[in-house]
Amino acid sequence: MSQTYQVIMHPGSKRERVEVTPEGSLEVWTNKPARDNQANLALIGLVAKHLGVKKSQVFLQSGGKSRHKTILLTG
């Protein structure tokens, strides 16, 4: 079973947090910069923790260089 989520990313923030928007997508703030894939790796960890799954179950499906991303949750 797999599920996709739309994500709005805010790299370089002061705090790290995850919120669910009224539309059902995720809004993620990370203190990691948007370079060298640092923010994307932080995104996977934060979403996994928020959803209570392993990081290996969260994949960045699209939007690797955009603030608007799609992630795939497997398992």
Protein backbone atom coordinates (compact mmCIF):
# COMPACT_ATOMS: atom_id res chain seq x y z
CA MET A 1 0.00 0.00 0.00
CA SER A 2 1.32 3.46 -0.83
CA GLN A 3 0.09 6.99 -0.32
CA THR A 4 1.21 10.32 -1.76
CA TYR A 5 1.35 13.67 -0.02
CA GLN A 6 1.78 17.16 -1.44
CA VAL A 7 4.40 19.11 0.53
CA ILE A 8 5.22 22.79 0.78
CA MET A 9 8.80 23.17 1.97
CA HIS A 10 10.38 26.06 3.90
CA PRO A 11 14.17 25.49 4.08
CA GLY A 12 16.42 27.66 6.20
CA SER A 13 13.81 28.27 8.92
CA LYS A 14 14.67 28.93 12.54
CA ARG A 15 12.66 25.93 13.80
CA GLU A 16 11.77 22.53 12.41
CA ARG A 17 8.12 21.52 12.33
CA VAL A 18 5.44 19.80 10.25
CA GLU A 19 1.83 20.97 9.92
CA VAL A 20 -1.14 19.64 7.99
CA THR A 21 -2.87 22.29 5.88
CA PRO A 22 -6.69 22.50 5.61
CA GLU A 23 -6.34 21.01 2.10
CA GLY A 24 -4.63 17.93 3.54
CA SER A 25 -1.10 18.61 2.30
CA LEU A 26 1.91 18.91 4.56
CA GLU A 27 3.80 22.11 5.26
CA VAL A 28 7.34 21.47 6.46
CA TRP A 29 9.86 23.90 7.96
CA THR A 30 13.50 22.86 8.34
CA ASN A 31 16.59 24.69 9.47
CA LYS A 32 18.66 22.96 6.79
CA PRO A 33 19.61 25.03 3.72
CA ALA A 34 18.26 24.30 0.25
CA ARG A 35 21.59 23.18 -1.15
CA ASP A 36 23.42 19.88 -1.56
CA ASN A 37 20.14 18.02 -0.94
CA GLN A 38 20.27 18.92 2.78
CA ALA A 39 16.69 20.21 2.99
CA ASN A 40 15.30 17.20 1.10
CA LEU A 41 17.02 14.77 3.46
CA ALA A 42 15.70 16.71 6.45
CA LEU A 43 12.22 16.66 4.88
CA ILE A 44 12.24 12.85 4.73
CA GLY A 45 13.27 12.59 8.39
CA LEU A 46 10.73 15.15 9.62
CA VAL A 47 7.84 13.64 7.66
CA ALA A 48 8.74 10.11 8.80
CA LYS A 49 8.78 11.24 12.43
CA HIS A 50 5.50 13.15 12.03
CA LEU A 51 3.73 10.17 10.41
CA GLY A 52 5.31 7.60 12.73
CA VAL A 53 7.04 5.56 10.02
CA LYS A 54 10.63 4.66 9.15
CA LYS A 55 12.65 7.04 6.97
CA SER A 56 13.12 4.17 4.51
CA GLN A 57 9.35 4.26 3.84
CA VAL A 58 9.36 7.91 2.69
CA PHE A 59 10.48 8.77 -0.85
CA LEU A 60 10.72 12.10 -2.66
CA GLN A 61 8.66 11.44 -5.78
CA SER A 62 8.93 14.86 -7.47
CA GLY A 63 9.99 18.44 -6.81
CA GLY A 64 13.59 17.82 -5.77
CA LYS A 65 14.55 21.41 -6.65
CA SER A 66 11.22 23.06 -5.84
CA ARG A 67 9.46 24.14 -2.68
CA HIS A 68 6.39 22.23 -3.86
CA LYS A 69 7.11 18.50 -3.63
CA THR A 70 5.33 15.18 -3.78
CA ILE A 71 6.38 12.43 -1.39
CA LEU A 72 5.46 8.77 -1.53
CA LEU A 73 4.84 6.78 1.63
CA THR A 74 5.17 3.01 1.24
CA GLY A 75 4.36 0.10 3.49
